[in-house]
Amino acid sequence: MTGVPPFGVLLERLLTHRRLAPGGLARSAGVPESSLRAVLGGRAPEAPLLEPLAAAFGLHAADLFVIAGVPVPGAPAPAEPSTGRFLEDLVSDGVCLPAELRAGRRPHPRRDAAHHPGRTRRPPVLPNAPPRRSLKRPAG
């Protein structure tokens, strides 16, 4: 399995998919075209460039930050240490939702997760629980 392509490659694919030219995107986002072309050429993106690009594409800024591998400003820490490992898959799945869900009716997993109270983990076996019956059948 190969790794995720660099952000510049992903951005180029998004431009091609949306049938946009780099100059047109730079104008609609209000960013210097030279900065956009530098990212397309392989330079690491910076936060001040990502927010206007996300708005120009009609994406949530946090989604573009995650795709770019840049820390999301003001993002809450995961409720549990293992939560972060599923974020990339969650965002990838969300981007692939059908068009009717992408048109403003897409669920907001980050907002929903932030409002979720979380749950405490119970030990696998309660201390005073009766022993479990075996489901093994007698030999023979």
C-alpha atoms as a PDB file:
ATOM      1  CA  MET A   1       0.000   0.000   0.000  1.00  0.00           C
ATOM      2  CA  THR A   2       1.321   3.413  -0.880  1.00  0.00           C
ATOM      3  CA  GLY A   3       1.170   6.510   1.260  1.00  0.00           C
ATOM      4  CA  VAL A   4      -1.005   9.564   0.792  1.00  0.00           C
ATOM      5  CA  PRO A   5       0.291  11.871  -1.962  1.00  0.00           C
ATOM      6  CA  PRO A   6       1.685  15.275  -0.979  1.00  0.00           C
ATOM      7  CA  PHE A   7      -0.846  18.072  -0.489  1.00  0.00           C
ATOM      8  CA  GLY A   8       0.235  19.802  -3.719  1.00  0.00           C
ATOM      9  CA  VAL A   9      -0.731  16.694  -5.708  1.00  0.00           C
ATOM     10  CA  LEU A  10      -4.084  16.452  -3.922  1.00  0.00           C
ATOM     11  CA  LEU A  11      -4.737  20.158  -4.530  1.00  0.00           C
ATOM     12  CA  GLU A  12      -3.894  19.751  -8.216  1.00  0.00           C
ATOM     13  CA  ARG A  13      -6.345  16.849  -8.460  1.00  0.00           C
ATOM     14  CA  LEU A  14      -9.054  18.939  -6.795  1.00  0.00           C
ATOM     15  CA  LEU A  15      -8.384  21.795  -9.231  1.00  0.00           C
ATOM     16  CA  THR A  16      -8.666  19.388 -12.166  1.00  0.00           C
ATOM     17  CA  HIS A  17     -11.826  17.810 -10.776  1.00  0.00           C
ATOM     18  CA  ARG A  18     -13.452  21.222 -10.281  1.00  0.00           C
ATOM     19  CA  ARG A  19     -12.122  22.416 -13.675  1.00  0.00           C
ATOM     20  CA  LEU A  20     -10.361  25.399 -12.118  1.00  0.00           C
ATOM     21  CA  ALA A  21      -7.122  27.093 -13.126  1.00  0.00           C
ATOM     22  CA  PRO A  22      -4.631  28.009 -10.396  1.00  0.00           C
ATOM     23  CA  GLY A  23      -4.935  31.707 -11.304  1.00  0.00           C
ATOM     24  CA  GLY A  24      -8.723  31.644 -11.048  1.00  0.00           C
ATOM     25  CA  LEU A  25      -8.605  29.880  -7.685  1.00  0.00           C
ATOM     26  CA  ALA A  26      -6.039  32.366  -6.373  1.00  0.00           C
ATOM     27  CA  ARG A  27      -8.251  35.288  -7.427  1.00  0.00           C
ATOM     28  CA  SER A  28     -11.436  33.808  -5.937  1.00  0.00           C
ATOM     29  CA  ALA A  29      -9.623  32.942  -2.693  1.00  0.00           C
ATOM     30  CA  GLY A  30      -7.842  36.300  -2.519  1.00  0.00           C
ATOM     31  CA  VAL A  31      -4.392  34.744  -2.159  1.00  0.00           C
ATOM     32  CA  PRO A  32      -1.230  35.434  -4.166  1.00  0.00           C
ATOM     33  CA  GLU A  33      -1.000  33.170  -7.192  1.00  0.00           C
ATOM     34  CA  SER A  34       2.716  32.691  -6.514  1.00  0.00           C
ATOM     35  CA  SER A  35       1.918  31.194  -3.069  1.00  0.00           C
ATOM     36  CA  LEU A  36      -0.623  28.830  -4.575  1.00  0.00           C
ATOM     37  CA  ARG A  37       1.779  27.745  -7.326  1.00  0.00           C
ATOM     38  CA  ALA A  38       4.506  27.163  -4.711  1.00  0.00           C
ATOM     39  CA  VAL A  39       2.199  24.761  -2.840  1.00  0.00           C
ATOM     40  CA  LEU A  40       1.279  23.048  -6.114  1.00  0.00           C
ATOM     41  CA  GLY A  41       5.026  22.713  -6.724  1.00  0.00           C
ATOM     42  CA  GLY A  42       5.618  20.948  -3.413  1.00  0.00           C
ATOM     43  CA  ARG A  43       6.019  23.623  -0.725  1.00  0.00           C
ATOM     44  CA  ALA A  44       4.276  22.829   2.549  1.00  0.00           C
ATOM     45  CA  PRO A  45       1.034  24.804   2.936  1.00  0.00           C
ATOM     46  CA  GLU A  46       0.584  27.295   5.751  1.00  0.00           C
ATOM     47  CA  ALA A  47      -2.565  28.118   7.725  1.00  0.00           C
ATOM     48  CA  PRO A  48      -3.083  31.632   6.269  1.00  0.00           C
ATOM     49  CA  LEU A  49      -3.294  30.099   2.785  1.00  0.00           C
ATOM     50  CA  LEU A  50      -5.519  27.145   3.692  1.00  0.00           C
ATOM     51  CA  GLU A  51      -8.460  29.057   5.182  1.00  0.00           C
ATOM     52  CA  PRO A  52      -9.211  31.171   2.068  1.00  0.00           C
ATOM     53  CA  LEU A  53      -8.649  28.143  -0.193  1.00  0.00           C
ATOM     54  CA  ALA A  54     -11.168  26.137   1.806  1.00  0.00           C
ATOM     55  CA  ALA A  55     -13.720  28.951   1.468  1.00  0.00           C
ATOM     56  CA  ALA A  56     -13.106  29.167  -2.293  1.00  0.00           C
ATOM     57  CA  PHE A  57     -13.657  25.405  -2.651  1.00  0.00           C
ATOM     58  CA  GLY A  58     -16.706  25.475  -0.381  1.00  0.00           C
ATOM     59  CA  LEU A  59     -15.036  23.178   2.166  1.00  0.00           C
ATOM     60  CA  HIS A  60     -14.769  23.472   5.915  1.00  0.00           C
ATOM     61  CA  ALA A  61     -11.384  24.937   6.789  1.00  0.00           C
ATOM     62  CA  ALA A  62     -10.738  22.125   9.289  1.00  0.00           C
ATOM     63  CA  ASP A  63     -11.193  19.529   6.527  1.00  0.00           C
ATOM     64  CA  LEU A  64      -8.581  21.190   4.333  1.00  0.00           C
ATOM     65  CA  PHE A  65      -6.191  21.495   7.303  1.00  0.00           C
ATOM     66  CA  VAL A  66      -6.508  17.753   7.959  1.00  0.00           C
ATOM     67  CA  ILE A  67      -6.014  16.898   4.283  1.00  0.00           C
ATOM     68  CA  ALA A  68      -2.909  19.120   4.235  1.00  0.00           C
ATOM     69  CA  GLY A  69      -1.543  17.534   7.410  1.00  0.00           C
ATOM     70  CA  VAL A  70      -1.473  20.913   9.181  1.00  0.00           C
ATOM     71  CA  PRO A  71      -2.703  21.176  12.793  1.00  0.00           C
ATOM     72  CA  VAL A  72      -6.190  22.669  12.945  1.00  0.00           C
ATOM     73  CA  PRO A  73      -6.097  25.947  14.875  1.00  0.00           C
ATOM     74  CA  GLY A  74      -8.180  25.816  18.029  1.00  0.00           C
ATOM     75  CA  ALA A  75      -9.055  22.158  17.544  1.00  0.00           C
ATOM     76  CA  PRO A  76     -10.056  20.359  20.725  1.00  0.00           C
ATOM     77  CA  ALA A  77      -7.887  17.482  21.817  1.00  0.00           C
ATOM     78  CA  PRO A  78      -9.430  14.042  21.282  1.00  0.00           C
ATOM     79  CA  ALA A  79     -11.502  12.806  24.202  1.00  0.00           C
ATOM     80  CA  GLU A  80      -9.498   9.618  24.248  1.00  0.00           C
ATOM     81  CA  PRO A  81      -5.929   9.023  23.015  1.00  0.00           C
ATOM     82  CA  SER A  82      -7.007   6.428  20.446  1.00  0.00           C
ATOM     83  CA  THR A  83      -9.589   8.758  18.844  1.00  0.00           C
ATOM     84  CA  GLY A  84      -7.122  10.561  16.599  1.00  0.00           C
ATOM     85  CA  ARG A  85      -6.167   7.491  14.608  1.00  0.00           C
ATOM     86  CA  PHE A  86      -9.648   7.322  13.071  1.00  0.00           C
ATOM     87  CA  LEU A  87      -9.855  10.986  12.057  1.00  0.00           C
ATOM     88  CA  GLU A  88      -8.174  10.582   8.664  1.00  0.00           C
ATOM     89  CA  ASP A  89     -10.575   7.779   7.684  1.00  0.00           C
ATOM     90  CA  LEU A  90     -13.547   9.783   8.929  1.00  0.00           C
ATOM     91  CA  VAL A  91     -12.599  12.814   6.839  1.00  0.00           C
ATOM     92  CA  SER A  92     -11.867  10.652   3.778  1.00  0.00           C
ATOM     93  CA  ASP A  93     -15.267   8.990   4.102  1.00  0.00           C
ATOM     94  CA  GLY A  94     -16.986  12.351   4.585  1.00  0.00           C
ATOM     95  CA  VAL A  95     -15.441  13.810   1.431  1.00  0.00           C
ATOM     96  CA  CYS A  96     -16.748  10.840  -0.553  1.00  0.00           C
ATOM     97  CA  LEU A  97     -20.375  11.317   0.522  1.00  0.00           C
ATOM     98  CA  PRO A  98     -23.002  11.613  -2.225  1.00  0.00           C
ATOM     99  CA  ALA A  99     -23.637  15.067  -3.689  1.00  0.00           C
ATOM    100  CA  GLU A 100     -26.941  15.552  -1.866  1.00  0.00           C
ATOM    101  CA  LEU A 101     -25.132  15.201   1.470  1.00  0.00           C
ATOM    102  CA  ARG A 102     -22.248  17.476   0.404  1.00  0.00           C
ATOM    103  CA  ALA A 103     -24.643  20.298  -0.519  1.00  0.00           C
ATOM    104  CA  GLY A 104     -24.864  21.719   2.987  1.00  0.00           C
ATOM    105  CA  ARG A 105     -26.609  18.782   4.611  1.00  0.00           C
ATOM    106  CA  ARG A 106     -23.452  16.873   5.505  1.00  0.00           C
ATOM    107  CA  PRO A 107     -23.234  15.772   9.131  1.00  0.00           C
ATOM    108  CA  HIS A 108     -20.733  17.624  11.290  1.00  0.00           C
ATOM    109  CA  PRO A 109     -18.763  14.872  13.068  1.00  0.00           C
ATOM    110  CA  ARG A 110     -16.296  17.237  14.767  1.00  0.00           C
ATOM    111  CA  ARG A 111     -19.104  19.373  16.227  1.00  0.00           C
ATOM    112  CA  ASP A 112     -21.095  16.317  17.214  1.00  0.00           C
ATOM    113  CA  ALA A 113     -18.064  14.662  18.812  1.00  0.00           C
ATOM    114  CA  ALA A 114     -17.244  17.826  20.766  1.00  0.00           C
ATOM    115  CA  HIS A 115     -20.760  17.833  22.267  1.00  0.00           C
ATOM    116  CA  HIS A 116     -20.738  14.120  23.039  1.00  0.00           C
ATOM    117  CA  PRO A 117     -20.228  13.546  26.750  1.00  0.00           C
ATOM    118  CA  GLY A 118     -18.028  10.530  26.156  1.00  0.00           C
ATOM    119  CA  ARG A 119     -18.351   7.378  28.123  1.00  0.00           C
ATOM    120  CA  THR A 120     -16.377   5.768  30.847  1.00  0.00           C
ATOM    121  CA  ARG A 121     -14.907   2.408  30.176  1.00  0.00           C
ATOM    122  CA  ARG A 122     -15.950  -0.478  32.364  1.00  0.00           C
ATOM    123  CA  PRO A 123     -13.586  -3.257  33.262  1.00  0.00           C
ATOM    124  CA  PRO A 124     -14.161  -6.362  31.135  1.00  0.00           C
ATOM    125  CA  VAL A 125     -15.457  -8.357  34.115  1.00  0.00           C
ATOM    126  CA  LEU A 126     -17.284  -6.835  37.059  1.00  0.00           C
ATOM    127  CA  PRO A 127     -15.754  -7.797  40.420  1.00  0.00           C
ATOM    128  CA  ASN A 128     -18.932  -9.316  41.938  1.00  0.00           C
ATOM    129  CA  ALA A 129     -20.458 -10.683  38.748  1.00  0.00           C
ATOM    130  CA  PRO A 130     -21.483 -14.343  38.740  1.00  0.00           C
ATOM    131  CA  PRO A 131     -19.256 -16.596  36.648  1.00  0.00           C
ATOM    132  CA  ARG A 132     -20.281 -16.971  33.020  1.00  0.00           C
ATOM    133  CA  ARG A 133     -21.574 -20.294  31.811  1.00  0.00           C
ATOM    134  CA  SER A 134     -19.465 -22.050  29.269  1.00  0.00           C
ATOM    135  CA  LEU A 135     -20.971 -22.607  25.860  1.00  0.00           C
ATOM    136  CA  LYS A 136     -18.820 -25.681  25.307  1.00  0.00           C
ATOM    137  CA  ARG A 137     -20.663 -28.906  24.740  1.00  0.00           C
ATOM    138  CA  PRO A 138     -19.616 -32.190  26.240  1.00  0.00           C
ATOM    139  CA  ALA A 139     -17.295 -34.297  24.128  1.00  0.00           C
ATOM    140  CA  GLY A 140     -18.717 -37.264  22.314  1.00  0.00           C
END
